[in-house]
């Protein structure tokens, strides 16, 4: 069921799957991604496993409100407060939080600031690091792969001006982020990109990059966590290199770390059954 809720003074879109009486799983999407980038089949499989699954649009993307960053700058911590507001609006006292990329940073901030609202954390292709405000690459841990840097440099030099160009850029980004084990179907990929643009042409990527760059590092904060934590990371991730996942798992006490061989910065749909099993096991073991 879809909802428009109020959180942190903003109107946000969210959707839930499954029985409201089941343990809640909050899916937090990454930089620039709409909540619907969490695949329907993935959400439905988690719900079939006995979870109430919630996905939502972060501010500045999808059907959620946009923000004038110049007058109302925000941080990853503010995005975490937005996510807590989603739980409040849906009457969810505590949730298993699964965060992807920037969503993992949001999940980490939720665990740091609101541990009483968390049943568990899954930090997926994410990091305790922040972006350098000058280079917009990682400040402390290994930087992005050269192919990603080159891709963004090309796009910055020739920004897309038409819908067709936006589709080409989005398809190119997925291709450059994919790992060696991934086999892409370009026809299906283009249809998926088109469907996202049909839903919303809003582009909040710049605002969210600026938000990450003005946020705090979490190296000194993650060791204080005491909730069940799972860390997932692709070995071929060119955006948030594998070392970021290793460091996240090292810092969080008793975190379980599962490398994903040949996976890049992506949800590897070929491994959906395995991922759903891992996540259902994690959220079951850490349920109250």
Protein backbone atom coordinates (compact mmCIF):
# COMPACT_ATOMS: atom_id res chain seq x y z
CA UNK A 1 0.00 0.00 0.00
CA UNK A 2 1.31 3.46 -0.93
CA UNK A 3 1.31 6.39 1.49
CA UNK A 4 2.26 10.07 1.47
CA UNK A 5 3.47 10.83 4.98
CA UNK A 6 4.96 13.83 6.79
CA UNK A 7 8.45 13.51 8.23
CA UNK A 8 10.81 16.21 9.42
CA UNK A 9 8.50 18.83 7.90
CA UNK A 10 8.60 17.16 4.47
CA UNK A 11 6.11 15.05 2.55
CA UNK A 12 7.64 11.69 1.65
CA UNK A 13 6.35 8.81 -0.45
CA UNK A 14 6.46 5.32 1.02
CA UNK A 15 5.00 1.90 0.35
CA UNK A 16 4.63 -1.20 2.47
CA UNK A 17 4.29 -4.88 1.64
CA UNK A 18 3.14 -7.77 3.80
CA UNK A 19 1.33 -8.15 7.10
CA UNK A 20 1.56 -5.09 9.40
CA UNK A 21 1.79 -7.52 12.33
CA UNK A 22 5.07 -8.98 11.03
CA UNK A 23 8.51 -7.60 12.02
CA UNK A 24 9.21 -4.45 10.00
CA UNK A 25 12.04 -4.14 7.50
CA UNK A 26 12.85 -0.60 6.33
CA UNK A 27 14.65 -0.46 2.97
CA UNK A 28 16.73 2.71 2.56
CA UNK A 29 17.86 3.50 -0.99
CA UNK A 30 21.14 5.11 -1.97
CA UNK A 31 22.25 8.31 -3.66
CA UNK A 32 19.84 9.50 -6.33
CA UNK A 33 17.76 6.33 -6.29
CA UNK A 34 14.01 6.20 -5.97
CA UNK A 35 12.53 3.85 -3.40
CA UNK A 36 11.13 1.80 -6.26
CA UNK A 37 14.71 0.92 -7.24
CA UNK A 38 14.28 -1.79 -4.59
CA UNK A 39 12.86 -4.44 -6.96
CA UNK A 40 9.25 -5.48 -6.48
CA UNK A 41 10.27 -9.15 -6.53
CA UNK A 42 12.83 -8.54 -3.76
CA UNK A 43 10.27 -6.73 -1.57
CA UNK A 44 7.62 -9.39 -2.22
CA UNK A 45 10.04 -12.22 -1.38
CA UNK A 46 10.93 -10.61 1.96
CA UNK A 47 7.23 -10.10 2.68
CA UNK A 48 6.51 -13.74 1.80
CA UNK A 49 9.17 -14.63 4.37
CA UNK A 50 7.15 -12.97 7.11
CA UNK A 51 8.35 -9.38 7.08
CA UNK A 52 6.49 -6.11 6.77
CA UNK A 53 8.61 -4.42 4.11
CA UNK A 54 8.70 -0.63 3.75
CA UNK A 55 10.44 1.28 0.97
CA UNK A 56 10.38 5.05 0.53
CA UNK A 57 11.72 7.96 -1.50
CA UNK A 58 14.38 10.00 0.28
CA UNK A 59 13.96 13.76 0.06
CA UNK A 60 14.91 15.20 -3.33
CA UNK A 61 14.00 12.07 -5.31
CA UNK A 62 10.92 10.36 -6.66
CA UNK A 63 7.58 11.55 -5.30
CA UNK A 64 9.01 13.03 -2.09
CA UNK A 65 9.55 16.74 -1.50
CA UNK A 66 12.54 18.60 -2.91
CA UNK A 67 14.71 20.94 -0.87
CA UNK A 68 16.51 24.15 -1.81
CA UNK A 69 19.95 23.06 -0.61
CA UNK A 70 21.37 26.59 -0.74
CA UNK A 71 18.88 27.83 1.86
CA UNK A 72 18.19 24.51 3.65
CA UNK A 73 21.35 22.39 3.54
CA UNK A 74 21.15 18.97 5.15
CA UNK A 75 23.30 15.99 6.13
CA UNK A 76 23.05 12.23 6.18
CA UNK A 77 21.92 12.67 9.78
CA UNK A 78 18.92 14.64 8.56
CA UNK A 79 18.11 11.86 6.09
CA UNK A 80 18.24 9.43 9.03
CA UNK A 81 15.74 11.63 10.87
CA UNK A 82 13.52 11.49 7.77
CA UNK A 83 13.65 7.69 7.90
CA UNK A 84 12.73 7.66 11.59
CA UNK A 85 9.77 9.85 10.62
CA UNK A 86 8.65 7.19 8.14
CA UNK A 87 8.59 4.65 10.97
CA UNK A 88 6.66 7.11 13.15
CA UNK A 89 4.07 7.78 10.46
CA UNK A 90 3.47 4.06 9.92
CA UNK A 91 3.28 3.30 13.63
CA UNK A 92 6.42 1.14 13.60
CA UNK A 93 8.20 1.14 16.95
CA UNK A 94 11.33 -0.76 15.84
CA UNK A 95 12.58 -2.00 12.48
CA UNK A 96 15.27 -3.99 10.80
CA UNK A 97 17.03 -1.39 8.63
CA UNK A 98 18.63 -2.41 5.33
CA UNK A 99 20.55 0.47 3.75
CA UNK A 100 22.16 0.47 0.30
CA UNK A 101 25.18 2.74 -0.39
CA UNK A 102 24.13 6.18 0.93
CA UNK A 103 21.23 4.28 2.46
CA UNK A 104 23.78 2.30 4.47
CA UNK A 105 25.20 5.58 5.77
CA UNK A 106 21.66 6.60 6.72
CA UNK A 107 21.19 3.26 8.47
CA UNK A 108 24.45 3.73 10.37
CA UNK A 109 23.30 7.17 11.54
CA UNK A 110 19.95 5.71 12.59
CA UNK A 111 21.77 3.06 14.64
CA UNK A 112 24.04 5.68 16.25
CA UNK A 113 21.34 8.21 17.10
CA UNK A 114 18.23 6.03 17.47
CA UNK A 115 19.33 2.54 18.61
CA UNK A 116 16.01 2.12 20.42
CA UNK A 117 14.22 2.17 17.04
CA UNK A 118 16.41 -0.52 15.48
CA UNK A 119 16.10 -4.31 15.58
CA UNK A 120 19.14 -4.80 13.34
CA UNK A 121 21.28 -3.06 10.73
CA UNK A 122 22.33 -4.24 7.29
CA UNK A 123 24.98 -1.98 5.75
CA UNK A 124 25.16 -2.89 2.07
CA UNK A 125 27.86 -1.53 -0.31
CA UNK A 126 28.33 1.32 2.16
CA UNK A 127 31.01 3.03 4.25
CA UNK A 128 31.87 4.87 7.46
CA UNK A 129 33.61 7.50 5.30
CA UNK A 130 32.37 10.78 3.78
CA UNK A 131 33.07 12.60 0.54
CA UNK A 132 35.78 15.21 0.42
CA UNK A 133 34.07 18.57 -0.27
CA UNK A 134 36.70 19.51 -2.87
CA UNK A 135 37.37 16.31 -4.81
CA UNK A 136 34.01 14.65 -4.04
CA UNK A 137 35.87 11.37 -3.73
CA UNK A 138 36.21 9.43 -0.49
CA UNK A 139 38.03 11.37 2.17
CA UNK A 140 39.94 8.61 4.02
CA UNK A 141 39.36 5.20 2.45
CA UNK A 142 40.28 4.11 -1.12
CA UNK A 143 38.79 6.26 -3.87
CA UNK A 144 36.48 5.38 -6.71
CA UNK A 145 37.70 3.28 -9.62
CA UNK A 146 39.18 5.27 -12.51
CA UNK A 147 36.41 4.13 -14.87
CA UNK A 148 33.81 5.70 -12.58
CA UNK A 149 35.78 8.93 -12.27
CA UNK A 150 36.13 9.12 -16.05
CA UNK A 151 32.42 8.45 -16.53
CA UNK A 152 31.37 11.27 -14.20
CA UNK A 153 33.95 13.62 -15.75
CA UNK A 154 32.43 12.96 -19.20
CA UNK A 155 28.91 13.58 -17.94
CA UNK A 156 29.97 16.78 -16.15
CA UNK A 157 31.60 18.05 -19.36
CA UNK A 158 28.49 17.24 -21.42
CA UNK A 159 25.43 17.16 -19.15
CA UNK A 160 22.33 15.50 -20.62
CA UNK A 161 19.79 17.99 -21.93
CA UNK A 162 17.09 15.68 -23.31
CA UNK A 163 15.20 12.70 -21.96
CA UNK A 164 16.97 10.39 -24.40
CA UNK A 165 20.34 11.65 -23.17
CA UNK A 166 19.27 11.14 -19.56
CA UNK A 167 18.35 7.56 -20.38
CA UNK A 168 21.74 7.02 -22.05
CA UNK A 169 23.55 8.41 -19.01
CA UNK A 170 21.56 6.28 -16.57
CA UNK A 171 22.16 3.14 -18.62
CA UNK A 172 25.86 3.99 -18.87
CA UNK A 173 26.07 4.46 -15.10
CA UNK A 174 24.56 1.04 -14.42
CA UNK A 175 27.00 -0.49 -16.90
CA UNK A 176 30.05 1.17 -15.34
CA UNK A 177 28.94 0.14 -11.84
CA UNK A 178 28.31 -3.52 -12.71
CA UNK A 179 30.68 -6.21 -11.51
CA UNK A 180 32.42 -8.90 -13.53
CA UNK A 181 29.78 -11.50 -12.60
CA UNK A 182 26.91 -9.39 -13.90
CA UNK A 183 25.30 -9.99 -17.28
CA UNK A 184 23.20 -6.98 -18.26
CA UNK A 185 20.18 -7.08 -20.54
CA UNK A 186 20.34 -3.63 -22.15
CA UNK A 187 16.78 -3.76 -23.48
CA UNK A 188 15.39 -4.56 -20.03
CA UNK A 189 17.72 -2.02 -18.47
CA UNK A 190 16.50 0.76 -20.75
CA UNK A 191 12.88 -0.13 -19.96
CA UNK A 192 13.68 0.05 -16.23
CA UNK A 193 15.33 3.47 -16.63
CA UNK A 194 12.40 4.74 -18.71
CA UNK A 195 9.93 3.54 -16.08
CA UNK A 196 11.84 5.45 -13.40
CA UNK A 197 11.72 8.64 -15.45
CA UNK A 198 8.01 8.10 -16.14
CA UNK A 199 7.45 8.00 -12.39
CA UNK A 200 9.56 11.08 -11.66
CA UNK A 201 12.12 13.14 -13.58
CA UNK A 202 13.33 14.75 -10.37
CA UNK A 203 17.12 14.69 -10.03
CA UNK A 204 18.34 15.11 -6.47
CA UNK A 205 21.79 13.66 -7.04
CA UNK A 206 23.68 16.93 -6.56
CA UNK A 207 21.90 17.78 -3.31
CA UNK A 208 22.56 14.34 -1.91
CA UNK A 209 26.24 14.46 -2.90
CA UNK A 210 26.53 17.80 -1.10
CA UNK A 211 24.77 16.27 1.91
CA UNK A 212 27.27 13.40 2.11
CA UNK A 213 30.17 15.85 1.77
CA UNK A 214 28.98 17.95 4.73
CA UNK A 215 28.24 14.95 6.95
CA UNK A 216 30.37 13.46 9.70
CA UNK A 217 32.65 10.45 9.44
CA UNK A 218 31.54 7.47 11.53
CA UNK A 219 34.88 5.71 12.14
CA UNK A 220 34.85 6.66 15.83
CA UNK A 221 31.12 6.05 16.28
CA UNK A 222 30.52 2.60 14.79
CA UNK A 223 32.50 0.77 17.52
CA UNK A 224 29.84 1.96 19.97
CA UNK A 225 27.04 0.05 18.23
CA UNK A 226 25.61 -2.99 19.98
CA UNK A 227 22.88 -4.17 17.62
CA UNK A 228 23.02 -7.19 15.28
CA UNK A 229 24.74 -6.04 12.10
CA UNK A 230 25.23 -7.58 8.69
CA UNK A 231 27.65 -6.06 6.16
CA UNK A 232 27.27 -6.96 2.47
CA UNK A 233 29.75 -5.73 -0.14
CA UNK A 234 30.62 -6.61 -3.72
CA UNK A 235 34.25 -7.45 -4.36
CA UNK A 236 34.15 -5.51 -7.66
CA UNK A 237 32.46 -2.36 -6.33
CA UNK A 238 34.00 0.56 -8.28
CA UNK A 239 32.08 3.33 -6.46
CA UNK A 240 32.49 2.33 -2.82
CA UNK A 241 35.47 -0.02 -3.02
CA UNK A 242 35.47 -3.34 -1.17
CA UNK A 243 37.81 -1.97 1.52
CA UNK A 244 34.96 0.25 2.73
CA UNK A 245 32.85 -2.80 3.52
CA UNK A 246 35.78 -4.51 5.23
CA UNK A 247 36.33 -1.44 7.40
CA UNK A 248 32.63 -1.15 8.26
CA UNK A 249 32.57 -4.76 9.43
CA UNK A 250 35.82 -4.35 11.37
CA UNK A 251 34.51 -1.31 13.25
CA UNK A 252 31.09 -2.64 14.29
CA UNK A 253 31.35 -5.16 17.15
CA UNK A 254 30.39 -8.72 16.14
CA UNK A 255 29.28 -7.65 12.66
CA UNK A 256 28.83 -10.47 10.16
CA UNK A 257 30.58 -9.73 6.86
CA UNK A 258 29.51 -11.41 3.60
CA UNK A 259 31.56 -10.55 0.50
CA UNK A 260 29.68 -10.82 -2.79
CA UNK A 261 32.20 -12.13 -5.37
CA UNK A 262 32.12 -10.44 -8.76
CA UNK A 263 29.42 -7.97 -7.69
CA UNK A 264 29.79 -4.25 -8.31
CA UNK A 265 27.81 -1.30 -6.99
CA UNK A 266 24.45 -2.90 -7.68
CA UNK A 267 21.67 -5.18 -6.48
CA UNK A 268 22.68 -8.43 -8.19
CA UNK A 269 19.31 -9.78 -9.29
CA UNK A 270 20.87 -13.08 -10.36
CA UNK A 271 21.58 -13.62 -6.66
CA UNK A 272 18.18 -12.45 -5.39
CA UNK A 273 17.22 -15.82 -3.88
CA UNK A 274 20.51 -16.00 -1.96
CA UNK A 275 20.25 -12.40 -0.77
CA UNK A 276 16.66 -12.83 0.40
CA UNK A 277 17.68 -15.96 2.33
CA UNK A 278 20.60 -14.14 3.97
CA UNK A 279 18.44 -11.16 4.92
CA UNK A 280 15.56 -13.26 6.24
CA UNK A 281 18.03 -15.24 8.34
CA UNK A 282 19.63 -12.05 9.69
CA UNK A 283 16.35 -10.36 10.51
CA UNK A 284 14.96 -13.55 12.08
CA UNK A 285 18.00 -14.17 14.28
CA UNK A 286 17.94 -10.58 15.51
CA UNK A 287 14.18 -10.34 16.10
CA UNK A 288 13.06 -9.76 19.70
